């Protein structure tokens, strides 16, 4: 039997929202679940996270990885229903893979 494989796709603005929430720097009093639906808001997310509307790939990695590595997952789950759903799906996928045991 081939190994189980999973792909999770998450829109960029959702990832940027999660990173800003994890970092405690989400812009203003905006509703994170609704913010980022138009171009102006997506540019605001990028500027808040990366310091510019058009970050280079290396700048994105440099800013995002430390936030992701230090994120308090439980806190982020409490702040973002979409992240809580994503985390549940990842845990379920990991449990399903573990249930099959190591490949023969």
PDB file of N, CA and C in Angstrom:
ATOM      1  N   UNK A   1       0.847  -1.168   0.000  1.00  0.00           N
ATOM      2  CA  UNK A   1       0.000   0.000   0.000  1.00  0.00           C
ATOM      3  C   UNK A   1       0.900   1.240   0.000  1.00  0.00           C
ATOM      4  N   UNK A   2       0.624   2.212  -0.882  1.00  0.00           N
ATOM      5  CA  UNK A   2       1.448   3.431  -0.902  1.00  0.00           C
ATOM      6  C   UNK A   2       1.194   4.266   0.356  1.00  0.00           C
ATOM      7  N   UNK A   3       2.171   5.076   0.748  1.00  0.00           N
ATOM      8  CA  UNK A   3       1.980   5.911   1.943  1.00  0.00           C
ATOM      9  C   UNK A   3       0.879   6.942   1.703  1.00  0.00           C
ATOM     10  N   UNK A   4       0.194   7.304   2.782  1.00  0.00           N
ATOM     11  CA  UNK A   4      -0.819   8.354   2.694  1.00  0.00           C
ATOM     12  C   UNK A   4      -0.132   9.688   2.452  1.00  0.00           C
ATOM     13  N   UNK A   5      -0.740  10.490   1.637  1.00  0.00           N
ATOM     14  CA  UNK A   5      -0.197  11.817   1.367  1.00  0.00           C
ATOM     15  C   UNK A   5      -1.308  12.840   1.531  1.00  0.00           C
ATOM     16  N   UNK A   6      -0.956  13.978   2.092  1.00  0.00           N
ATOM     17  CA  UNK A   6      -1.923  15.041   2.310  1.00  0.00           C
ATOM     18  C   UNK A   6      -1.356  16.342   1.778  1.00  0.00           C
ATOM     19  N   UNK A   7      -2.224  17.182   1.250  1.00  0.00           N
ATOM     20  CA  UNK A   7      -1.846  18.525   0.837  1.00  0.00           C
ATOM     21  C   UNK A   7      -2.839  19.477   1.493  1.00  0.00           C
ATOM     22  N   UNK A   8      -2.304  20.479   2.171  1.00  0.00           N
ATOM     23  CA  UNK A   8      -3.136  21.511   2.774  1.00  0.00           C
ATOM     24  C   UNK A   8      -2.813  22.818   2.069  1.00  0.00           C
ATOM     25  N   UNK A   9      -3.816  23.450   1.496  1.00  0.00           N
ATOM     26  CA  UNK A   9      -3.630  24.731   0.821  1.00  0.00           C
ATOM     27  C   UNK A   9      -4.267  25.823   1.676  1.00  0.00           C
ATOM     28  N   UNK A  10      -3.502  26.870   1.912  1.00  0.00           N
ATOM     29  CA  UNK A  10      -3.985  27.997   2.713  1.00  0.00           C
ATOM     30  C   UNK A  10      -3.661  29.282   1.960  1.00  0.00           C
ATOM     31  N   UNK A  11      -4.658  30.145   1.731  1.00  0.00           N
ATOM     32  CA  UNK A  11      -4.384  31.407   1.041  1.00  0.00           C
ATOM     33  C   UNK A  11      -3.346  32.246   1.800  1.00  0.00           C
ATOM     34  N   UNK A  12      -2.548  32.972   1.055  1.00  0.00           N
ATOM     35  CA  UNK A  12      -1.468  33.771   1.631  1.00  0.00           C
ATOM     36  C   UNK A  12      -1.982  34.727   2.695  1.00  0.00           C
ATOM     37  N   UNK A  13      -3.091  35.425   2.425  1.00  0.00           N
ATOM     38  CA  UNK A  13      -3.563  36.396   3.403  1.00  0.00           C
ATOM     39  C   UNK A  13      -3.980  35.728   4.713  1.00  0.00           C
ATOM     40  N   UNK A  14      -4.408  34.482   4.660  1.00  0.00           N
ATOM     41  CA  UNK A  14      -4.749  33.760   5.890  1.00  0.00           C
ATOM     42  C   UNK A  14      -3.475  33.467   6.681  1.00  0.00           C
ATOM     43  N   UNK A  15      -2.440  32.997   6.003  1.00  0.00           N
ATOM     44  CA  UNK A  15      -1.164  32.724   6.672  1.00  0.00           C
ATOM     45  C   UNK A  15      -0.615  34.008   7.275  1.00  0.00           C
ATOM     46  N   UNK A  16      -0.673  35.105   6.524  1.00  0.00           N
ATOM     47  CA  UNK A  16      -0.181  36.383   7.040  1.00  0.00           C
ATOM     48  C   UNK A  16      -0.990  36.835   8.252  1.00  0.00           C
ATOM     49  N   UNK A  17      -2.292  36.616   8.212  1.00  0.00           N
ATOM     50  CA  UNK A  17      -3.133  36.947   9.370  1.00  0.00           C
ATOM     51  C   UNK A  17      -2.727  36.120  10.575  1.00  0.00           C
ATOM     52  N   UNK A  18      -2.527  34.814  10.384  1.00  0.00           N
ATOM     53  CA  UNK A  18      -2.117  33.955  11.500  1.00  0.00           C
ATOM     54  C   UNK A  18      -0.774  34.404  12.076  1.00  0.00           C
ATOM     55  N   UNK A  19       0.163  34.749  11.202  1.00  0.00           N
ATOM     56  CA  UNK A  19       1.476  35.201  11.676  1.00  0.00           C
ATOM     57  C   UNK A  19       1.363  36.497  12.471  1.00  0.00           C
ATOM     58  N   UNK A  20       0.545  37.429  11.998  1.00  0.00           N
ATOM     59  CA  UNK A  20       0.356  38.684  12.728  1.00  0.00           C
ATOM     60  C   UNK A  20      -0.324  38.444  14.073  1.00  0.00           C
ATOM     61  N   UNK A  21      -1.301  37.554  14.107  1.00  0.00           N
ATOM     62  CA  UNK A  21      -1.956  37.220  15.374  1.00  0.00           C
ATOM     63  C   UNK A  21      -0.967  36.548  16.322  1.00  0.00           C
ATOM     64  N   UNK A  22      -0.176  35.645  15.796  1.00  0.00           N
ATOM     65  CA  UNK A  22       0.811  34.941  16.618  1.00  0.00           C
ATOM     66  C   UNK A  22       1.844  35.897  17.181  1.00  0.00           C
ATOM     67  N   UNK A  23       2.160  36.922  16.408  1.00  0.00           N
ATOM     68  CA  UNK A  23       3.167  37.901  16.796  1.00  0.00           C
ATOM     69  C   UNK A  23       2.584  39.035  17.648  1.00  0.00           C
ATOM     70  N   UNK A  24       1.261  39.038  17.802  1.00  0.00           N
ATOM     71  CA  UNK A  24       0.609  40.099  18.559  1.00  0.00           C
ATOM     72  C   UNK A  24       0.622  41.439  17.872  1.00  0.00           C
ATOM     73  N   UNK A  25       0.716  41.437  16.542  1.00  0.00           N
ATOM     74  CA  UNK A  25       0.808  42.704  15.817  1.00  0.00           C
ATOM     75  C   UNK A  25      -0.227  42.839  14.703  1.00  0.00           C
ATOM     76  N   UNK A  26      -1.400  42.219  14.897  1.00  0.00           N
ATOM     77  CA  UNK A  26      -2.454  42.362  13.899  1.00  0.00           C
ATOM     78  C   UNK A  26      -2.901  43.821  13.874  1.00  0.00           C
ATOM     79  N   UNK A  27      -3.097  44.411  12.684  1.00  0.00           N
ATOM     80  CA  UNK A  27      -3.362  45.853  12.593  1.00  0.00           C
ATOM     81  C   UNK A  27      -4.670  46.294  13.243  1.00  0.00           C
ATOM     82  N   UNK A  28      -4.559  47.278  14.116  1.00  0.00           N
ATOM     83  CA  UNK A  28      -5.703  47.971  14.703  1.00  0.00           C
ATOM     84  C   UNK A  28      -6.733  47.087  15.359  1.00  0.00           C
ATOM     85  N   UNK A  29      -7.960  47.537  15.281  1.00  0.00           N
ATOM     86  CA  UNK A  29      -9.087  46.818  15.878  1.00  0.00           C
ATOM     87  C   UNK A  29      -9.856  46.023  14.839  1.00  0.00           C
ATOM     88  N   UNK A  30      -9.180  45.664  13.775  1.00  0.00           N
ATOM     89  CA  UNK A  30      -9.835  44.949  12.677  1.00  0.00           C
ATOM     90  C   UNK A  30     -10.233  43.539  13.102  1.00  0.00           C
ATOM     91  N   UNK A  31     -11.262  43.013  12.460  1.00  0.00           N
ATOM     92  CA  UNK A  31     -11.700  41.639  12.680  1.00  0.00           C
ATOM     93  C   UNK A  31     -10.837  40.737  11.797  1.00  0.00           C
ATOM     94  N   UNK A  32      -9.991  39.950  12.425  1.00  0.00           N
ATOM     95  CA  UNK A  32      -9.052  39.112  11.674  1.00  0.00           C
ATOM     96  C   UNK A  32      -9.767  38.155  10.725  1.00  0.00           C
ATOM     97  N   UNK A  33     -10.965  37.714  11.075  1.00  0.00           N
ATOM     98  CA  UNK A  33     -11.689  36.769  10.223  1.00  0.00           C
ATOM     99  C   UNK A  33     -12.203  37.425   8.945  1.00  0.00           C
ATOM    100  N   UNK A  34     -12.354  38.745   8.940  1.00  0.00           N
ATOM    101  CA  UNK A  34     -12.897  39.447   7.790  1.00  0.00           C
ATOM    102  C   UNK A  34     -11.885  40.327   7.076  1.00  0.00           C
ATOM    103  N   UNK A  35     -10.736  40.549   7.686  1.00  0.00           N
ATOM    104  CA  UNK A  35      -9.760  41.488   7.140  1.00  0.00           C
ATOM    105  C   UNK A  35      -8.879  40.794   6.109  1.00  0.00           C
ATOM    106  N   UNK A  36      -8.614  41.462   5.003  1.00  0.00           N
ATOM    107  CA  UNK A  36      -7.760  40.915   3.955  1.00  0.00           C
ATOM    108  C   UNK A  36      -8.520  40.476   2.734  1.00  0.00           C
ATOM    109  N   UNK A  37      -9.787  40.891   2.644  1.00  0.00           N
ATOM    110  CA  UNK A  37     -10.605  40.433   1.522  1.00  0.00           C
ATOM    111  C   UNK A  37     -10.402  41.251   0.251  1.00  0.00           C
ATOM    112  N   UNK A  38      -9.794  42.432   0.378  1.00  0.00           N
ATOM    113  CA  UNK A  38      -9.559  43.224  -0.829  1.00  0.00           C
ATOM    114  C   UNK A  38      -8.076  43.577  -0.923  1.00  0.00           C
ATOM    115  N   UNK A  39      -7.697  44.123  -2.054  1.00  0.00           N
ATOM    116  CA  UNK A  39      -6.292  44.420  -2.315  1.00  0.00           C
ATOM    117  C   UNK A  39      -5.679  45.385  -1.313  1.00  0.00           C
ATOM    118  N   UNK A  40      -6.420  46.415  -0.930  1.00  0.00           N
ATOM    119  CA  UNK A  40      -5.904  47.399   0.032  1.00  0.00           C
ATOM    120  C   UNK A  40      -5.602  46.715   1.364  1.00  0.00           C
ATOM    121  N   UNK A  41      -6.518  45.898   1.834  1.00  0.00           N
ATOM    122  CA  UNK A  41      -6.316  45.199   3.106  1.00  0.00           C
ATOM    123  C   UNK A  41      -5.182  44.180   3.024  1.00  0.00           C
ATOM    124  N   UNK A  42      -5.060  43.486   1.905  1.00  0.00           N
ATOM    125  CA  UNK A  42      -3.966  42.519   1.760  1.00  0.00           C
ATOM    126  C   UNK A  42      -2.620  43.229   1.776  1.00  0.00           C
ATOM    127  N   UNK A  43      -2.548  44.405   1.161  1.00  0.00           N
ATOM    128  CA  UNK A  43      -1.300  45.177   1.212  1.00  0.00           C
ATOM    129  C   UNK A  43      -1.017  45.652   2.631  1.00  0.00           C
ATOM    130  N   UNK A  44      -2.067  45.985   3.378  1.00  0.00           N
ATOM    131  CA  UNK A  44      -1.884  46.389   4.779  1.00  0.00           C
ATOM    132  C   UNK A  44      -1.330  45.224   5.604  1.00  0.00           C
ATOM    133  N   UNK A  45      -1.824  44.010   5.346  1.00  0.00           N
ATOM    134  CA  UNK A  45      -1.305  42.830   6.047  1.00  0.00           C
ATOM    135  C   UNK A  45       0.178  42.650   5.751  1.00  0.00           C
ATOM    136  N   UNK A  46       0.538  42.747   4.480  1.00  0.00           N
ATOM    137  CA  UNK A  46       1.947  42.579   4.098  1.00  0.00           C
ATOM    138  C   UNK A  46       2.823  43.643   4.753  1.00  0.00           C
ATOM    139  N   UNK A  47       2.355  44.878   4.740  1.00  0.00           N
ATOM    140  CA  UNK A  47       3.138  45.963   5.340  1.00  0.00           C
ATOM    141  C   UNK A  47       3.277  45.751   6.844  1.00  0.00           C
ATOM    142  N   UNK A  48       2.199  45.343   7.502  1.00  0.00           N
ATOM    143  CA  UNK A  48       2.258  45.108   8.953  1.00  0.00           C
ATOM    144  C   UNK A  48       3.211  43.971   9.291  1.00  0.00           C
ATOM    145  N   UNK A  49       3.241  42.950   8.456  1.00  0.00           N
ATOM    146  CA  UNK A  49       4.065  41.778   8.738  1.00  0.00           C
ATOM    147  C   UNK A  49       5.504  41.956   8.272  1.00  0.00           C
ATOM    148  N   UNK A  50       5.687  42.443   7.055  1.00  0.00           N
ATOM    149  CA  UNK A  50       7.021  42.476   6.451  1.00  0.00           C
ATOM    150  C   UNK A  50       7.651  43.866   6.384  1.00  0.00           C
ATOM    151  N   UNK A  51       6.839  44.912   6.638  1.00  0.00           N
ATOM    152  CA  UNK A  51       7.362  46.266   6.553  1.00  0.00           C
ATOM    153  C   UNK A  51       7.285  46.864   5.161  1.00  0.00           C
ATOM    154  N   UNK A  52       6.743  46.116   4.219  1.00  0.00           N
ATOM    155  CA  UNK A  52       6.599  46.581   2.839  1.00  0.00           C
ATOM    156  C   UNK A  52       5.466  45.814   2.170  1.00  0.00           C
ATOM    157  N   UNK A  53       4.864  46.434   1.147  1.00  0.00           N
ATOM    158  CA  UNK A  53       3.796  45.767   0.392  1.00  0.00           C
ATOM    159  C   UNK A  53       4.333  44.681  -0.525  1.00  0.00           C
ATOM    160  N   UNK A  54       5.598  44.774  -0.882  1.00  0.00           N
ATOM    161  CA  UNK A  54       6.185  43.828  -1.841  1.00  0.00           C
ATOM    162  C   UNK A  54       7.487  43.240  -1.288  1.00  0.00           C
ATOM    163  N   UNK A  55       7.359  42.380  -0.293  1.00  0.00           N
ATOM    164  CA  UNK A  55       8.576  41.792   0.277  1.00  0.00           C
ATOM    165  C   UNK A  55       9.188  40.760  -0.674  1.00  0.00           C
ATOM    166  N   UNK A  56      10.494  40.634  -0.599  1.00  0.00           N
ATOM    167  CA  UNK A  56      11.160  39.583  -1.371  1.00  0.00           C
ATOM    168  C   UNK A  56      10.917  38.250  -0.666  1.00  0.00           C
ATOM    169  N   UNK A  57      11.134  37.184  -1.377  1.00  0.00           N
ATOM    170  CA  UNK A  57      10.960  35.848  -0.781  1.00  0.00           C
ATOM    171  C   UNK A  57      11.863  35.689   0.445  1.00  0.00           C
ATOM    172  N   UNK A  58      13.102  36.151   0.355  1.00  0.00           N
ATOM    173  CA  UNK A  58      14.022  36.008   1.490  1.00  0.00           C
ATOM    174  C   UNK A  58      13.554  36.846   2.680  1.00  0.00           C
ATOM    175  N   UNK A  59      12.981  38.035   2.424  1.00  0.00           N
ATOM    176  CA  UNK A  59      12.442  38.846   3.521  1.00  0.00           C
ATOM    177  C   UNK A  59      11.254  38.153   4.181  1.00  0.00           C
ATOM    178  N   UNK A  60      10.410  37.532   3.369  1.00  0.00           N
ATOM    179  CA  UNK A  60       9.253  36.826   3.924  1.00  0.00           C
ATOM    180  C   UNK A  60       9.705  35.681   4.825  1.00  0.00           C
ATOM    181  N   UNK A  61      10.660  34.906   4.343  1.00  0.00           N
ATOM    182  CA  UNK A  61      11.170  33.785   5.136  1.00  0.00           C
ATOM    183  C   UNK A  61      11.821  34.285   6.416  1.00  0.00           C
ATOM    184  N   UNK A  62      12.624  35.346   6.299  1.00  0.00           N
ATOM    185  CA  UNK A  62      13.331  35.900   7.449  1.00  0.00           C
ATOM    186  C   UNK A  62      12.366  36.399   8.528  1.00  0.00           C
ATOM    187  N   UNK A  63      11.256  36.999   8.129  1.00  0.00           N
ATOM    188  CA  UNK A  63      10.275  37.517   9.095  1.00  0.00           C
ATOM    189  C   UNK A  63       9.346  36.421   9.615  1.00  0.00           C
ATOM    190  N   UNK A  64       8.886  35.552   8.722  1.00  0.00           N
ATOM    191  CA  UNK A  64       7.836  34.592   9.078  1.00  0.00           C
ATOM    192  C   UNK A  64       8.330  33.403   9.902  1.00  0.00           C
ATOM    193  N   UNK A  65       9.478  32.856   9.569  1.00  0.00           N
ATOM    194  CA  UNK A  65       9.935  31.653  10.268  1.00  0.00           C
ATOM    195  C   UNK A  65      10.101  31.833  11.778  1.00  0.00           C
ATOM    196  N   UNK A  66      10.732  32.902  12.248  1.00  0.00           N
ATOM    197  CA  UNK A  66      10.845  33.057  13.699  1.00  0.00           C
ATOM    198  C   UNK A  66       9.482  33.168  14.395  1.00  0.00           C
ATOM    199  N   UNK A  67       8.541  33.835  13.740  1.00  0.00           N
ATOM    200  CA  UNK A  67       7.199  33.950  14.324  1.00  0.00           C
ATOM    201  C   UNK A  67       6.545  32.577  14.390  1.00  0.00           C
ATOM    202  N   UNK A  68       6.612  31.837  13.291  1.00  0.00           N
ATOM    203  CA  UNK A  68       5.999  30.508  13.250  1.00  0.00           C
ATOM    204  C   UNK A  68       6.634  29.569  14.265  1.00  0.00           C
ATOM    205  N   UNK A  69       7.945  29.623  14.390  1.00  0.00           N
ATOM    206  CA  UNK A  69       8.639  28.738  15.332  1.00  0.00           C
ATOM    207  C   UNK A  69       8.303  29.051  16.786  1.00  0.00           C
ATOM    208  N   UNK A  70       8.068  30.331  17.090  1.00  0.00           N
ATOM    209  CA  UNK A  70       7.805  30.745  18.472  1.00  0.00           C
ATOM    210  C   UNK A  70       6.317  30.805  18.797  1.00  0.00           C
ATOM    211  N   UNK A  71       5.468  30.529  17.827  1.00  0.00           N
ATOM    212  CA  UNK A  71       4.023  30.697  18.022  1.00  0.00           C
ATOM    213  C   UNK A  71       3.495  29.801  19.133  1.00  0.00           C
ATOM    214  N   UNK A  72       2.627  30.371  19.936  1.00  0.00           N
ATOM    215  CA  UNK A  72       1.883  29.622  20.948  1.00  0.00           C
ATOM    216  C   UNK A  72       0.634  29.089  20.249  1.00  0.00           C
ATOM    217  N   UNK A  73       0.672  27.835  19.863  1.00  0.00           N
ATOM    218  CA  UNK A  73      -0.388  27.253  19.043  1.00  0.00           C
ATOM    219  C   UNK A  73      -1.737  27.326  19.745  1.00  0.00           C
ATOM    220  N   UNK A  74      -1.784  27.007  21.019  1.00  0.00           N
ATOM    221  CA  UNK A  74      -3.053  27.042  21.758  1.00  0.00           C
ATOM    222  C   UNK A  74      -3.627  28.460  21.774  1.00  0.00           C
ATOM    223  N   UNK A  75      -2.774  29.452  21.979  1.00  0.00           N
ATOM    224  CA  UNK A  75      -3.232  30.843  21.982  1.00  0.00           C
ATOM    225  C   UNK A  75      -3.741  31.231  20.596  1.00  0.00           C
ATOM    226  N   UNK A  76      -3.001  30.843  19.574  1.00  0.00           N
ATOM    227  CA  UNK A  76      -3.413  31.171  18.210  1.00  0.00           C
ATOM    228  C   UNK A  76      -4.734  30.493  17.860  1.00  0.00           C
ATOM    229  N   UNK A  77      -4.916  29.270  18.317  1.00  0.00           N
ATOM    230  CA  UNK A  77      -6.193  28.582  18.094  1.00  0.00           C
ATOM    231  C   UNK A  77      -7.340  29.348  18.761  1.00  0.00           C
ATOM    232  N   UNK A  78      -7.085  29.923  19.932  1.00  0.00           N
ATOM    233  CA  UNK A  78      -8.131  30.681  20.630  1.00  0.00           C
ATOM    234  C   UNK A  78      -8.421  32.014  19.943  1.00  0.00           C
ATOM    235  N   UNK A  79      -7.455  32.570  19.234  1.00  0.00           N
ATOM    236  CA  UNK A  79      -7.627  33.847  18.549  1.00  0.00           C
ATOM    237  C   UNK A  79      -8.229  33.714  17.160  1.00  0.00           C
ATOM    238  N   UNK A  80      -8.035  32.565  16.533  1.00  0.00           N
ATOM    239  CA  UNK A  80      -8.436  32.406  15.138  1.00  0.00           C
ATOM    240  C   UNK A  80      -9.173  31.085  14.914  1.00  0.00           C
ATOM    241  N   UNK A  81     -10.482  31.159  14.677  1.00  0.00           N
ATOM    242  CA  UNK A  81     -11.223  29.926  14.369  1.00  0.00           C
ATOM    243  C   UNK A  81     -10.664  29.202  13.143  1.00  0.00           C
ATOM    244  N   UNK A  82     -10.174  29.952  12.152  1.00  0.00           N
ATOM    245  CA  UNK A  82      -9.636  29.293  10.954  1.00  0.00           C
ATOM    246  C   UNK A  82      -8.348  28.546  11.290  1.00  0.00           C
ATOM    247  N   UNK A  83      -7.513  29.119  12.160  1.00  0.00           N
ATOM    248  CA  UNK A  83      -6.299  28.409  12.554  1.00  0.00           C
ATOM    249  C   UNK A  83      -6.655  27.186  13.397  1.00  0.00           C
ATOM    250  N   UNK A  84      -7.655  27.318  14.275  1.00  0.00           N
ATOM    251  CA  UNK A  84      -8.080  26.177  15.092  1.00  0.00           C
ATOM    252  C   UNK A  84      -8.537  25.024  14.197  1.00  0.00           C
ATOM    253  N   UNK A  85      -9.284  25.354  13.154  1.00  0.00           N
ATOM    254  CA  UNK A  85      -9.736  24.318  12.209  1.00  0.00           C
ATOM    255  C   UNK A  85      -8.538  23.687  11.491  1.00  0.00           C
ATOM    256  N   UNK A  86      -7.628  24.518  11.021  1.00  0.00           N
ATOM    257  CA  UNK A  86      -6.421  24.044  10.341  1.00  0.00           C
ATOM    258  C   UNK A  86      -5.615  23.113  11.258  1.00  0.00           C
ATOM    259  N   UNK A  87      -5.417  23.510  12.505  1.00  0.00           N
ATOM    260  CA  UNK A  87      -4.643  22.707  13.449  1.00  0.00           C
ATOM    261  C   UNK A  87      -5.328  21.360  13.706  1.00  0.00           C
ATOM    262  N   UNK A  88      -6.655  21.379  13.835  1.00  0.00           N
ATOM    263  CA  UNK A  88      -7.391  20.107  14.031  1.00  0.00           C
ATOM    264  C   UNK A  88      -7.194  19.188  12.830  1.00  0.00           C
ATOM    265  N   UNK A  89      -7.274  19.748  11.627  1.00  0.00           N
ATOM    266  CA  UNK A  89      -7.101  18.943  10.419  1.00  0.00           C
ATOM    267  C   UNK A  89      -5.692  18.351  10.350  1.00  0.00           C
ATOM    268  N   UNK A  90      -4.685  19.137  10.721  1.00  0.00           N
ATOM    269  CA  UNK A  90      -3.312  18.615  10.728  1.00  0.00           C
ATOM    270  C   UNK A  90      -3.149  17.490  11.742  1.00  0.00           C
ATOM    271  N   UNK A  91      -3.706  17.687  12.926  1.00  0.00           N
ATOM    272  CA  UNK A  91      -3.609  16.628  13.951  1.00  0.00           C
ATOM    273  C   UNK A  91      -4.312  15.357  13.494  1.00  0.00           C
ATOM    274  N   UNK A  92      -5.483  15.517  12.882  1.00  0.00           N
ATOM    275  CA  UNK A  92      -6.216  14.353  12.387  1.00  0.00           C
ATOM    276  C   UNK A  92      -5.430  13.631  11.290  1.00  0.00           C
ATOM    277  N   UNK A  93      -4.835  14.377  10.385  1.00  0.00           N
ATOM    278  CA  UNK A  93      -4.030  13.762   9.327  1.00  0.00           C
ATOM    279  C   UNK A  93      -2.842  13.016   9.927  1.00  0.00           C
ATOM    280  N   UNK A  94      -2.178  13.625  10.899  1.00  0.00           N
ATOM    281  CA  UNK A  94      -1.033  12.967  11.549  1.00  0.00           C
ATOM    282  C   UNK A  94      -1.466  11.683  12.244  1.00  0.00           C
ATOM    283  N   UNK A  95      -2.629  11.712  12.901  1.00  0.00           N
ATOM    284  CA  UNK A  95      -3.130  10.505  13.568  1.00  0.00           C
ATOM    285  C   UNK A  95      -3.455   9.410  12.553  1.00  0.00           C
ATOM    286  N   UNK A  96      -4.027   9.803  11.415  1.00  0.00           N
ATOM    287  CA  UNK A  96      -4.353   8.821  10.381  1.00  0.00           C
ATOM    288  C   UNK A  96      -3.100   8.188   9.811  1.00  0.00           C
ATOM    289  N   UNK A  97      -2.069   8.979   9.596  1.00  0.00           N
ATOM    290  CA  UNK A  97      -0.809   8.432   9.088  1.00  0.00           C
ATOM    291  C   UNK A  97      -0.190   7.513  10.146  1.00  0.00           C
ATOM    292  N   UNK A  98      -0.188   7.941  11.405  1.00  0.00           N
ATOM    293  CA  UNK A  98       0.409   7.131  12.477  1.00  0.00           C
ATOM    294  C   UNK A  98      -0.337   5.814  12.649  1.00  0.00           C
ATOM    295  N   UNK A  99      -1.620   5.803  12.379  1.00  0.00           N
ATOM    296  CA  UNK A  99      -2.408   4.580  12.535  1.00  0.00           C
ATOM    297  C   UNK A  99      -1.961   3.476  11.583  1.00  0.00           C
ATOM    298  N   UNK A 100      -1.347   3.865  10.479  1.00  0.00           N
ATOM    299  CA  UNK A 100      -0.873   2.890   9.506  1.00  0.00           C
ATOM    300  C   UNK A 100       0.500   2.353   9.854  1.00  0.00           C
ATOM    301  N   UNK A 101       1.184   3.003  10.795  1.00  0.00           N
ATOM    302  CA  UNK A 101       2.502   2.548  11.217  1.00  0.00           C
ATOM    303  C   UNK A 101       3.572   2.891  10.186  1.00  0.00           C
ATOM    304  N   UNK A 102       4.805   2.523  10.512  1.00  0.00           N
ATOM    305  CA  UNK A 102       5.908   2.816   9.580  1.00  0.00           C
ATOM    306  C   UNK A 102       5.783   1.987   8.305  1.00  0.00           C
ATOM    307  N   UNK A 103       6.280   2.536   7.192  1.00  0.00           N
ATOM    308  CA  UNK A 103       6.211   1.783   5.937  1.00  0.00           C
ATOM    309  C   UNK A 103       7.029   0.487   6.035  1.00  0.00           C
ATOM    310  N   UNK A 104       6.535  -0.518   5.366  1.00  0.00           N
ATOM    311  CA  UNK A 104       7.214  -1.831   5.390  1.00  0.00           C
ATOM    312  C   UNK A 104       8.399  -1.861   4.470  1.00  0.00           C
TER     313      UNK A 104
END
